[in-house]
Amino acid sequence: MTMNDKQPEMPGPVRLAPDDKLEPGGAPTEETELAQACARFADLCQYFSQQNMDLPTQIVDEVRLVSKLAVGDRIARMKRLNQDLMEYLNDAGPDPQIRQ
């Protein structure tokens, strides 16, 4: 198998660096949690790009509105969008050849 034949891997979980700020008790701050959700979304978008797949239109429309939400609501929305993208990939199958 050549380097070009290698299928890109699905993005893995975003991990906190040891110096990321945590609230007392070890819980991540809202900003850290939002950054993790956004990084996960960026990883998924990169995977879609590598597979030459378009993001579903409803996801694109929703992500445009996220910046207008409060931080807590942004976190919840980004997590839901990430879940929606993962479900879309699962429904598309292991070797998606679709374009929207």
PDB file of N, CA and C in Angstrom:
ATOM      1  N   MET A   1       0.849  -1.167   0.000  1.00  0.00           N
ATOM      2  CA  MET A   1       0.000   0.000   0.000  1.00  0.00           C
ATOM      3  C   MET A   1       0.897   1.234   0.000  1.00  0.00           C
ATOM      4  N   THR A   2       0.653   2.159  -0.894  1.00  0.00           N
ATOM      5  CA  THR A   2       1.450   3.380  -0.954  1.00  0.00           C
ATOM      6  C   THR A   2       0.876   4.401   0.004  1.00  0.00           C
ATOM      7  N   MET A   3       1.611   5.477   0.215  1.00  0.00           N
ATOM      8  CA  MET A   3       1.178   6.539   1.118  1.00  0.00           C
ATOM      9  C   MET A   3      -0.133   7.156   0.633  1.00  0.00           C
ATOM     10  N   ASN A   4      -0.329   7.260  -0.686  1.00  0.00           N
ATOM     11  CA  ASN A   4      -1.531   7.853  -1.236  1.00  0.00           C
ATOM     12  C   ASN A   4      -2.746   6.954  -1.094  1.00  0.00           C
ATOM     13  N   ASP A   5      -2.540   5.639  -0.919  1.00  0.00           N
ATOM     14  CA  ASP A   5      -3.655   4.710  -0.768  1.00  0.00           C
ATOM     15  C   ASP A   5      -4.209   4.709   0.648  1.00  0.00           C
ATOM     16  N   LYS A   6      -3.498   5.295   1.561  1.00  0.00           N
ATOM     17  CA  LYS A   6      -3.911   5.268   2.963  1.00  0.00           C
ATOM     18  C   LYS A   6      -5.146   6.140   3.168  1.00  0.00           C
ATOM     19  N   GLN A   7      -6.151   5.566   3.776  1.00  0.00           N
ATOM     20  CA  GLN A   7      -7.401   6.267   4.076  1.00  0.00           C
ATOM     21  C   GLN A   7      -7.174   7.136   5.314  1.00  0.00           C
ATOM     22  N   PRO A   8      -7.572   8.409   5.304  1.00  0.00           N
ATOM     23  CA  PRO A   8      -7.402   9.237   6.497  1.00  0.00           C
ATOM     24  C   PRO A   8      -8.245   8.676   7.641  1.00  0.00           C
ATOM     25  N   GLU A   9      -7.710   8.773   8.833  1.00  0.00           N
ATOM     26  CA  GLU A   9      -8.419   8.275   9.994  1.00  0.00           C
ATOM     27  C   GLU A   9      -9.445   9.296  10.464  1.00  0.00           C
ATOM     28  N   MET A  10     -10.464   8.788  11.142  1.00  0.00           N
ATOM     29  CA  MET A  10     -11.453   9.672  11.749  1.00  0.00           C
ATOM     30  C   MET A  10     -10.764  10.488  12.825  1.00  0.00           C
ATOM     31  N   PRO A  11     -11.205  11.727  13.024  1.00  0.00           N
ATOM     32  CA  PRO A  11     -10.600  12.543  14.071  1.00  0.00           C
ATOM     33  C   PRO A  11     -10.813  11.903  15.438  1.00  0.00           C
ATOM     34  N   GLY A  12      -9.805  11.969  16.263  1.00  0.00           N
ATOM     35  CA  GLY A  12      -9.895  11.419  17.611  1.00  0.00           C
ATOM     36  C   GLY A  12     -10.392  12.460  18.597  1.00  0.00           C
ATOM     37  N   PRO A  13     -10.529  12.066  19.840  1.00  0.00           N
ATOM     38  CA  PRO A  13     -11.018  13.009  20.844  1.00  0.00           C
ATOM     39  C   PRO A  13     -10.014  14.111  21.122  1.00  0.00           C
ATOM     40  N   VAL A  14     -10.520  15.285  21.400  1.00  0.00           N
ATOM     41  CA  VAL A  14      -9.680  16.414  21.771  1.00  0.00           C
ATOM     42  C   VAL A  14      -9.296  16.227  23.233  1.00  0.00           C
ATOM     43  N   ARG A  15      -8.044  16.411  23.532  1.00  0.00           N
ATOM     44  CA  ARG A  15      -7.566  16.215  24.901  1.00  0.00           C
ATOM     45  C   ARG A  15      -7.097  17.548  25.485  1.00  0.00           C
ATOM     46  N   LEU A  16      -7.322  17.711  26.777  1.00  0.00           N
ATOM     47  CA  LEU A  16      -6.831  18.890  27.476  1.00  0.00           C
ATOM     48  C   LEU A  16      -5.332  18.779  27.668  1.00  0.00           C
ATOM     49  N   ALA A  17      -4.640  19.876  27.442  1.00  0.00           N
ATOM     50  CA  ALA A  17      -3.225  19.916  27.766  1.00  0.00           C
ATOM     51  C   ALA A  17      -3.107  20.058  29.286  1.00  0.00           C
ATOM     52  N   PRO A  18      -2.002  19.609  29.873  1.00  0.00           N
ATOM     53  CA  PRO A  18      -1.873  19.676  31.327  1.00  0.00           C
ATOM     54  C   PRO A  18      -2.000  21.086  31.894  1.00  0.00           C
ATOM     55  N   ASP A  19      -1.674  22.115  31.097  1.00  0.00           N
ATOM     56  CA  ASP A  19      -1.732  23.473  31.620  1.00  0.00           C
ATOM     57  C   ASP A  19      -3.054  24.182  31.343  1.00  0.00           C
ATOM     58  N   ASP A  20      -4.051  23.478  30.774  1.00  0.00           N
ATOM     59  CA  ASP A  20      -5.355  24.098  30.559  1.00  0.00           C
ATOM     60  C   ASP A  20      -5.969  24.450  31.903  1.00  0.00           C
ATOM     61  N   LYS A  21      -6.657  25.577  31.939  1.00  0.00           N
ATOM     62  CA  LYS A  21      -7.235  26.044  33.185  1.00  0.00           C
ATOM     63  C   LYS A  21      -8.436  25.196  33.570  1.00  0.00           C
ATOM     64  N   LEU A  22      -8.473  24.821  34.816  1.00  0.00           N
ATOM     65  CA  LEU A  22      -9.587  24.055  35.346  1.00  0.00           C
ATOM     66  C   LEU A  22     -10.191  24.826  36.503  1.00  0.00           C
ATOM     67  N   GLU A  23     -11.482  24.667  36.682  1.00  0.00           N
ATOM     68  CA  GLU A  23     -12.135  25.241  37.838  1.00  0.00           C
ATOM     69  C   GLU A  23     -11.742  24.424  39.060  1.00  0.00           C
ATOM     70  N   PRO A  24     -11.929  24.990  40.265  1.00  0.00           N
ATOM     71  CA  PRO A  24     -11.664  24.188  41.460  1.00  0.00           C
ATOM     72  C   PRO A  24     -12.471  22.895  41.400  1.00  0.00           C
ATOM     73  N   GLY A  25     -11.854  21.816  41.765  1.00  0.00           N
ATOM     74  CA  GLY A  25     -12.518  20.521  41.691  1.00  0.00           C
ATOM     75  C   GLY A  25     -12.181  19.782  40.415  1.00  0.00           C
ATOM     76  N   GLY A  26     -11.426  20.406  39.502  1.00  0.00           N
ATOM     77  CA  GLY A  26     -10.963  19.717  38.313  1.00  0.00           C
ATOM     78  C   GLY A  26     -11.870  19.800  37.103  1.00  0.00           C
ATOM     79  N   ALA A  27     -12.966  20.525  37.163  1.00  0.00           N
ATOM     80  CA  ALA A  27     -13.871  20.627  36.014  1.00  0.00           C
ATOM     81  C   ALA A  27     -13.354  21.686  35.039  1.00  0.00           C
ATOM     82  N   PRO A  28     -13.457  21.435  33.736  1.00  0.00           N
ATOM     83  CA  PRO A  28     -13.002  22.444  32.772  1.00  0.00           C
ATOM     84  C   PRO A  28     -13.883  23.696  32.821  1.00  0.00           C
ATOM     85  N   THR A  29     -13.287  24.840  32.538  1.00  0.00           N
ATOM     86  CA  THR A  29     -14.054  26.079  32.466  1.00  0.00           C
ATOM     87  C   THR A  29     -14.951  26.033  31.231  1.00  0.00           C
ATOM     88  N   GLU A  30     -15.925  26.904  31.180  1.00  0.00           N
ATOM     89  CA  GLU A  30     -16.801  26.963  30.002  1.00  0.00           C
ATOM     90  C   GLU A  30     -16.004  27.253  28.744  1.00  0.00           C
ATOM     91  N   GLU A  31     -15.022  28.153  28.866  1.00  0.00           N
ATOM     92  CA  GLU A  31     -14.218  28.505  27.698  1.00  0.00           C
ATOM     93  C   GLU A  31     -13.427  27.299  27.189  1.00  0.00           C
ATOM     94  N   THR A  32     -12.890  26.506  28.114  1.00  0.00           N
ATOM     95  CA  THR A  32     -12.144  25.313  27.726  1.00  0.00           C
ATOM     96  C   THR A  32     -13.072  24.298  27.076  1.00  0.00           C
ATOM     97  N   GLU A  33     -14.253  24.131  27.652  1.00  0.00           N
ATOM     98  CA  GLU A  33     -15.219  23.183  27.102  1.00  0.00           C
ATOM     99  C   GLU A  33     -15.679  23.613  25.708  1.00  0.00           C
ATOM    100  N   LEU A  34     -15.884  24.926  25.526  1.00  0.00           N
ATOM    101  CA  LEU A  34     -16.258  25.437  24.214  1.00  0.00           C
ATOM    102  C   LEU A  34     -15.117  25.227  23.217  1.00  0.00           C
ATOM    103  N   ALA A  35     -13.895  25.490  23.648  1.00  0.00           N
ATOM    104  CA  ALA A  35     -12.741  25.293  22.764  1.00  0.00           C
ATOM    105  C   ALA A  35     -12.627  23.831  22.341  1.00  0.00           C
ATOM    106  N   GLN A  36     -12.890  22.901  23.241  1.00  0.00           N
ATOM    107  CA  GLN A  36     -12.841  21.479  22.915  1.00  0.00           C
ATOM    108  C   GLN A  36     -13.908  21.122  21.884  1.00  0.00           C
ATOM    109  N   ALA A  37     -15.130  21.623  22.089  1.00  0.00           N
ATOM    110  CA  ALA A  37     -16.223  21.328  21.154  1.00  0.00           C
ATOM    111  C   ALA A  37     -15.925  21.917  19.779  1.00  0.00           C
ATOM    112  N   CYS A  38     -15.373  23.132  19.747  1.00  0.00           N
ATOM    113  CA  CYS A  38     -15.042  23.765  18.466  1.00  0.00           C
ATOM    114  C   CYS A  38     -13.874  23.052  17.782  1.00  0.00           C
ATOM    115  N   ALA A  39     -12.900  22.604  18.558  1.00  0.00           N
ATOM    116  CA  ALA A  39     -11.777  21.862  17.980  1.00  0.00           C
ATOM    117  C   ALA A  39     -12.265  20.542  17.395  1.00  0.00           C
ATOM    118  N   ARG A  40     -13.179  19.897  18.066  1.00  0.00           N
ATOM    119  CA  ARG A  40     -13.755  18.646  17.556  1.00  0.00           C
ATOM    120  C   ARG A  40     -14.487  18.909  16.242  1.00  0.00           C
ATOM    121  N   PHE A  41     -15.239  20.003  16.181  1.00  0.00           N
ATOM    122  CA  PHE A  41     -15.951  20.369  14.964  1.00  0.00           C
ATOM    123  C   PHE A  41     -14.957  20.623  13.830  1.00  0.00           C
ATOM    124  N   ALA A  42     -13.866  21.325  14.137  1.00  0.00           N
ATOM    125  CA  ALA A  42     -12.841  21.594  13.120  1.00  0.00           C
ATOM    126  C   ALA A  42     -12.214  20.290  12.624  1.00  0.00           C
ATOM    127  N   ASP A  43     -11.979  19.348  13.536  1.00  0.00           N
ATOM    128  CA  ASP A  43     -11.443  18.042  13.133  1.00  0.00           C
ATOM    129  C   ASP A  43     -12.403  17.317  12.195  1.00  0.00           C
ATOM    130  N   LEU A  44     -13.688  17.369  12.525  1.00  0.00           N
ATOM    131  CA  LEU A  44     -14.684  16.725  11.665  1.00  0.00           C
ATOM    132  C   LEU A  44     -14.758  17.402  10.297  1.00  0.00           C
ATOM    133  N   CYS A  45     -14.694  18.725  10.284  1.00  0.00           N
ATOM    134  CA  CYS A  45     -14.707  19.455   9.006  1.00  0.00           C
ATOM    135  C   CYS A  45     -13.496  19.085   8.165  1.00  0.00           C
ATOM    136  N   GLN A  46     -12.346  18.934   8.804  1.00  0.00           N
ATOM    137  CA  GLN A  46     -11.140  18.534   8.075  1.00  0.00           C
ATOM    138  C   GLN A  46     -11.319  17.130   7.497  1.00  0.00           C
ATOM    139  N   TYR A  47     -11.915  16.231   8.250  1.00  0.00           N
ATOM    140  CA  TYR A  47     -12.160  14.879   7.749  1.00  0.00           C
ATOM    141  C   TYR A  47     -13.091  14.915   6.540  1.00  0.00           C
ATOM    142  N   PHE A  48     -14.163  15.706   6.627  1.00  0.00           N
ATOM    143  CA  PHE A  48     -15.082  15.841   5.491  1.00  0.00           C
ATOM    144  C   PHE A  48     -14.319  16.349   4.269  1.00  0.00           C
ATOM    145  N   SER A  49     -13.451  17.320   4.467  1.00  0.00           N
ATOM    146  CA  SER A  49     -12.671  17.874   3.359  1.00  0.00           C
ATOM    147  C   SER A  49     -11.757  16.813   2.756  1.00  0.00           C
ATOM    148  N   GLN A  50     -11.093  16.039   3.598  1.00  0.00           N
ATOM    149  CA  GLN A  50     -10.198  14.989   3.106  1.00  0.00           C
ATOM    150  C   GLN A  50     -10.962  13.928   2.319  1.00  0.00           C
ATOM    151  N   GLN A  51     -12.217  13.710   2.669  1.00  0.00           N
ATOM    152  CA  GLN A  51     -13.037  12.716   1.984  1.00  0.00           C
ATOM    153  C   GLN A  51     -13.792  13.312   0.792  1.00  0.00           C
ATOM    154  N   ASN A  52     -13.534  14.599   0.498  1.00  0.00           N
ATOM    155  CA  ASN A  52     -14.227  15.314  -0.573  1.00  0.00           C
ATOM    156  C   ASN A  52     -15.743  15.278  -0.382  1.00  0.00           C
ATOM    157  N   MET A  53     -16.160  15.461   0.849  1.00  0.00           N
ATOM    158  CA  MET A  53     -17.582  15.486   1.183  1.00  0.00           C
ATOM    159  C   MET A  53     -17.970  16.896   1.604  1.00  0.00           C
ATOM    160  N   ASP A  54     -19.171  17.296   1.233  1.00  0.00           N
ATOM    161  CA  ASP A  54     -19.709  18.570   1.691  1.00  0.00           C
ATOM    162  C   ASP A  54     -20.397  18.362   3.032  1.00  0.00           C
ATOM    163  N   LEU A  55     -20.334  19.400   3.878  1.00  0.00           N
ATOM    164  CA  LEU A  55     -21.092  19.349   5.120  1.00  0.00           C
ATOM    165  C   LEU A  55     -22.576  19.462   4.779  1.00  0.00           C
ATOM    166  N   PRO A  56     -23.418  18.801   5.564  1.00  0.00           N
ATOM    167  CA  PRO A  56     -24.858  18.957   5.335  1.00  0.00           C
ATOM    168  C   PRO A  56     -25.262  20.433   5.478  1.00  0.00           C
ATOM    169  N   THR A  57     -26.141  20.879   4.613  1.00  0.00           N
ATOM    170  CA  THR A  57     -26.554  22.284   4.581  1.00  0.00           C
ATOM    171  C   THR A  57     -27.095  22.766   5.919  1.00  0.00           C
ATOM    172  N   GLN A  58     -27.881  21.933   6.593  1.00  0.00           N
ATOM    173  CA  GLN A  58     -28.461  22.363   7.863  1.00  0.00           C
ATOM    174  C   GLN A  58     -27.384  22.587   8.925  1.00  0.00           C
ATOM    175  N   ILE A  59     -26.294  21.840   8.855  1.00  0.00           N
ATOM    176  CA  ILE A  59     -25.178  22.030   9.799  1.00  0.00           C
ATOM    177  C   ILE A  59     -24.506  23.375   9.529  1.00  0.00           C
ATOM    178  N   VAL A  60     -24.258  23.670   8.269  1.00  0.00           N
ATOM    179  CA  VAL A  60     -23.628  24.943   7.892  1.00  0.00           C
ATOM    180  C   VAL A  60     -24.495  26.107   8.350  1.00  0.00           C
ATOM    181  N   ASP A  61     -25.805  25.996   8.125  1.00  0.00           N
ATOM    182  CA  ASP A  61     -26.719  27.066   8.535  1.00  0.00           C
ATOM    183  C   ASP A  61     -26.699  27.268  10.045  1.00  0.00           C
ATOM    184  N   GLU A  62     -26.688  26.172  10.793  1.00  0.00           N
ATOM    185  CA  GLU A  62     -26.705  26.278  12.252  1.00  0.00           C
ATOM    186  C   GLU A  62     -25.406  26.822  12.820  1.00  0.00           C
ATOM    187  N   VAL A  63     -24.274  26.430  12.242  1.00  0.00           N
ATOM    188  CA  VAL A  63     -22.995  26.884  12.792  1.00  0.00           C
ATOM    189  C   VAL A  63     -22.822  28.391  12.598  1.00  0.00           C
ATOM    190  N   ARG A  64     -23.460  28.938  11.594  1.00  0.00           N
ATOM    191  CA  ARG A  64     -23.404  30.398  11.381  1.00  0.00           C
ATOM    192  C   ARG A  64     -24.065  31.157  12.531  1.00  0.00           C
ATOM    193  N   LEU A  65     -25.016  30.520  13.210  1.00  0.00           N
ATOM    194  CA  LEU A  65     -25.766  31.184  14.272  1.00  0.00           C
ATOM    195  C   LEU A  65     -25.153  31.004  15.659  1.00  0.00           C
ATOM    196  N   VAL A  66     -24.192  30.105  15.789  1.00  0.00           N
ATOM    197  CA  VAL A  66     -23.646  29.759  17.098  1.00  0.00           C
ATOM    198  C   VAL A  66     -23.027  30.958  17.806  1.00  0.00           C
ATOM    199  N   SER A  67     -22.358  31.831  17.087  1.00  0.00           N
ATOM    200  CA  SER A  67     -21.658  32.955  17.721  1.00  0.00           C
ATOM    201  C   SER A  67     -22.609  33.925  18.419  1.00  0.00           C
ATOM    202  N   LYS A  68     -23.874  33.869  18.091  1.00  0.00           N
ATOM    203  CA  LYS A  68     -24.855  34.771  18.698  1.00  0.00           C
ATOM    204  C   LYS A  68     -25.400  34.243  20.020  1.00  0.00           C
ATOM    205  N   LEU A  69     -25.031  33.015  20.383  1.00  0.00           N
ATOM    206  CA  LEU A  69     -25.548  32.380  21.589  1.00  0.00           C
ATOM    207  C   LEU A  69     -24.655  32.659  22.793  1.00  0.00           C
ATOM    208  N   ALA A  70     -25.224  32.491  23.985  1.00  0.00           N
ATOM    209  CA  ALA A  70     -24.435  32.560  25.219  1.00  0.00           C
ATOM    210  C   ALA A  70     -23.475  31.373  25.243  1.00  0.00           C
ATOM    211  N   VAL A  71     -22.396  31.480  26.000  1.00  0.00           N
ATOM    212  CA  VAL A  71     -21.351  30.458  25.999  1.00  0.00           C
ATOM    213  C   VAL A  71     -21.910  29.074  26.324  1.00  0.00           C
ATOM    214  N   GLY A  72     -22.729  28.964  27.341  1.00  0.00           N
ATOM    215  CA  GLY A  72     -23.304  27.665  27.702  1.00  0.00           C
ATOM    216  C   GLY A  72     -24.134  27.069  26.575  1.00  0.00           C
ATOM    217  N   ASP A  73     -24.892  27.918  25.904  1.00  0.00           N
ATOM    218  CA  ASP A  73     -25.698  27.459  24.772  1.00  0.00           C
ATOM    219  C   ASP A  73     -24.820  27.109  23.573  1.00  0.00           C
ATOM    220  N   ARG A  74     -23.720  27.841  23.389  1.00  0.00           N
ATOM    221  CA  ARG A  74     -22.781  27.521  22.305  1.00  0.00           C
ATOM    222  C   ARG A  74     -22.194  26.124  22.496  1.00  0.00           C
ATOM    223  N   ILE A  75     -21.820  25.827  23.737  1.00  0.00           N
ATOM    224  CA  ILE A  75     -21.249  24.508  24.038  1.00  0.00           C
ATOM    225  C   ILE A  75     -22.243  23.418  23.672  1.00  0.00           C
ATOM    226  N   ALA A  76     -23.474  23.567  24.137  1.00  0.00           N
ATOM    227  CA  ALA A  76     -24.501  22.561  23.863  1.00  0.00           C
ATOM    228  C   ALA A  76     -24.755  22.427  22.361  1.00  0.00           C
ATOM    229  N   ARG A  77     -24.820  23.548  21.654  1.00  0.00           N
ATOM    230  CA  ARG A  77     -25.081  23.511  20.213  1.00  0.00           C
ATOM    231  C   ARG A  77     -23.931  22.865  19.451  1.00  0.00           C
ATOM    232  N   MET A  78     -22.686  23.211  19.810  1.00  0.00           N
ATOM    233  CA  MET A  78     -21.537  22.625  19.121  1.00  0.00           C
ATOM    234  C   MET A  78     -21.449  21.122  19.371  1.00  0.00           C
ATOM    235  N   LYS A  79     -21.753  20.701  20.588  1.00  0.00           N
ATOM    236  CA  LYS A  79     -21.749  19.266  20.885  1.00  0.00           C
ATOM    237  C   LYS A  79     -22.820  18.550  20.057  1.00  0.00           C
ATOM    238  N   ARG A  80     -23.985  19.188  19.928  1.00  0.00           N
ATOM    239  CA  ARG A  80     -25.058  18.583  19.131  1.00  0.00           C
ATOM    240  C   ARG A  80     -24.682  18.536  17.656  1.00  0.00           C
ATOM    241  N   LEU A  81     -24.066  19.594  17.154  1.00  0.00           N
ATOM    242  CA  LEU A  81     -23.624  19.604  15.757  1.00  0.00           C
ATOM    243  C   LEU A  81     -22.563  18.532  15.507  1.00  0.00           C
ATOM    244  N   ASN A  82     -21.659  18.355  16.459  1.00  0.00           N
ATOM    245  CA  ASN A  82     -20.656  17.292  16.331  1.00  0.00           C
ATOM    246  C   ASN A  82     -21.326  15.926  16.288  1.00  0.00           C
ATOM    247  N   GLN A  83     -22.312  15.731  17.145  1.00  0.00           N
ATOM    248  CA  GLN A  83     -23.037  14.452  17.159  1.00  0.00           C
ATOM    249  C   GLN A  83     -23.781  14.253  15.842  1.00  0.00           C
ATOM    250  N   ASP A  84     -24.395  15.311  15.333  1.00  0.00           N
ATOM    251  CA  ASP A  84     -25.108  15.219  14.055  1.00  0.00           C
ATOM    252  C   ASP A  84     -24.154  14.846  12.917  1.00  0.00           C
ATOM    253  N   LEU A  85     -22.957  15.433  12.918  1.00  0.00           N
ATOM    254  CA  LEU A  85     -21.980  15.104  11.875  1.00  0.00           C
ATOM    255  C   LEU A  85     -21.519  13.648  11.981  1.00  0.00           C
ATOM    256  N   MET A  86     -21.309  13.182  13.196  1.00  0.00           N
ATOM    257  CA  MET A  86     -20.903  11.782  13.376  1.00  0.00           C
ATOM    258  C   MET A  86     -22.006  10.840  12.903  1.00  0.00           C
ATOM    259  N   GLU A  87     -23.256  11.156  13.189  1.00  0.00           N
ATOM    260  CA  GLU A  87     -24.368  10.331  12.726  1.00  0.00           C
ATOM    261  C   GLU A  87     -24.462  10.365  11.203  1.00  0.00           C
ATOM    262  N   TYR A  88     -24.227  11.522  10.616  1.00  0.00           N
ATOM    263  CA  TYR A  88     -24.247  11.652   9.157  1.00  0.00           C
ATOM    264  C   TYR A  88     -23.161  10.770   8.537  1.00  0.00           C
ATOM    265  N   LEU A  89     -21.963  10.801   9.126  1.00  0.00           N
ATOM    266  CA  LEU A  89     -20.880   9.953   8.624  1.00  0.00           C
ATOM    267  C   LEU A  89     -21.219   8.474   8.770  1.00  0.00           C
ATOM    268  N   ASN A  90     -21.820   8.129   9.881  1.00  0.00           N
ATOM    269  CA  ASN A  90     -22.217   6.739  10.105  1.00  0.00           C
ATOM    270  C   ASN A  90     -23.245   6.305   9.062  1.00  0.00           C
ATOM    271  N   ASP A  91     -24.200   7.152   8.774  1.00  0.00           N
ATOM    272  CA  ASP A  91     -25.225   6.838   7.776  1.00  0.00           C
ATOM    273  C   ASP A  91     -24.652   6.775   6.358  1.00  0.00           C
ATOM    274  N   ALA A  92     -23.589   7.558   6.111  1.00  0.00           N
ATOM    275  CA  ALA A  92     -22.982   7.590   4.777  1.00  0.00           C
ATOM    276  C   ALA A  92     -22.182   6.331   4.492  1.00  0.00           C
ATOM    277  N   GLY A  93     -21.787   5.590   5.526  1.00  0.00           N
ATOM    278  CA  GLY A  93     -21.050   4.348   5.320  1.00  0.00           C
ATOM    279  C   GLY A  93     -19.558   4.536   5.417  1.00  0.00           C
ATOM    280  N   PRO A  94     -18.798   3.442   5.312  1.00  0.00           N
ATOM    281  CA  PRO A  94     -17.352   3.507   5.516  1.00  0.00           C
ATOM    282  C   PRO A  94     -16.567   4.178   4.388  1.00  0.00           C
ATOM    283  N   ASP A  95     -17.073   4.195   3.179  1.00  0.00           N
ATOM    284  CA  ASP A  95     -16.350   4.796   2.065  1.00  0.00           C
ATOM    285  C   ASP A  95     -17.290   5.707   1.287  1.00  0.00           C
ATOM    286  N   PRO A  96     -17.612   6.867   1.894  1.00  0.00           N
ATOM    287  CA  PRO A  96     -18.595   7.742   1.257  1.00  0.00           C
ATOM    288  C   PRO A  96     -18.080   8.320  -0.057  1.00  0.00           C
ATOM    289  N   GLN A  97     -18.886   8.196  -1.074  1.00  0.00           N
ATOM    290  CA  GLN A  97     -18.557   8.776  -2.372  1.00  0.00           C
ATOM    291  C   GLN A  97     -19.665   9.755  -2.770  1.00  0.00           C
ATOM    292  N   ILE A  98     -20.272  10.400  -1.783  1.00  0.00           N
ATOM    293  CA  ILE A  98     -21.394  11.286  -2.072  1.00  0.00           C
ATOM    294  C   ILE A  98     -20.960  12.736  -1.995  1.00  0.00           C
ATOM    295  N   ARG A  99     -21.636  13.550  -2.714  1.00  0.00           N
ATOM    296  CA  ARG A  99     -21.470  14.991  -2.643  1.00  0.00           C
ATOM    297  C   ARG A  99     -22.847  15.600  -2.648  1.00  0.00           C
ATOM    298  N   GLN A 100     -23.011  16.608  -1.860  1.00  0.00           N
ATOM    299  CA  GLN A 100     -24.315  17.278  -1.817  1.00  0.00           C
ATOM    300  C   GLN A 100     -24.311  18.481  -2.730  1.00  0.00           C
TER     301      GLN A 100
END
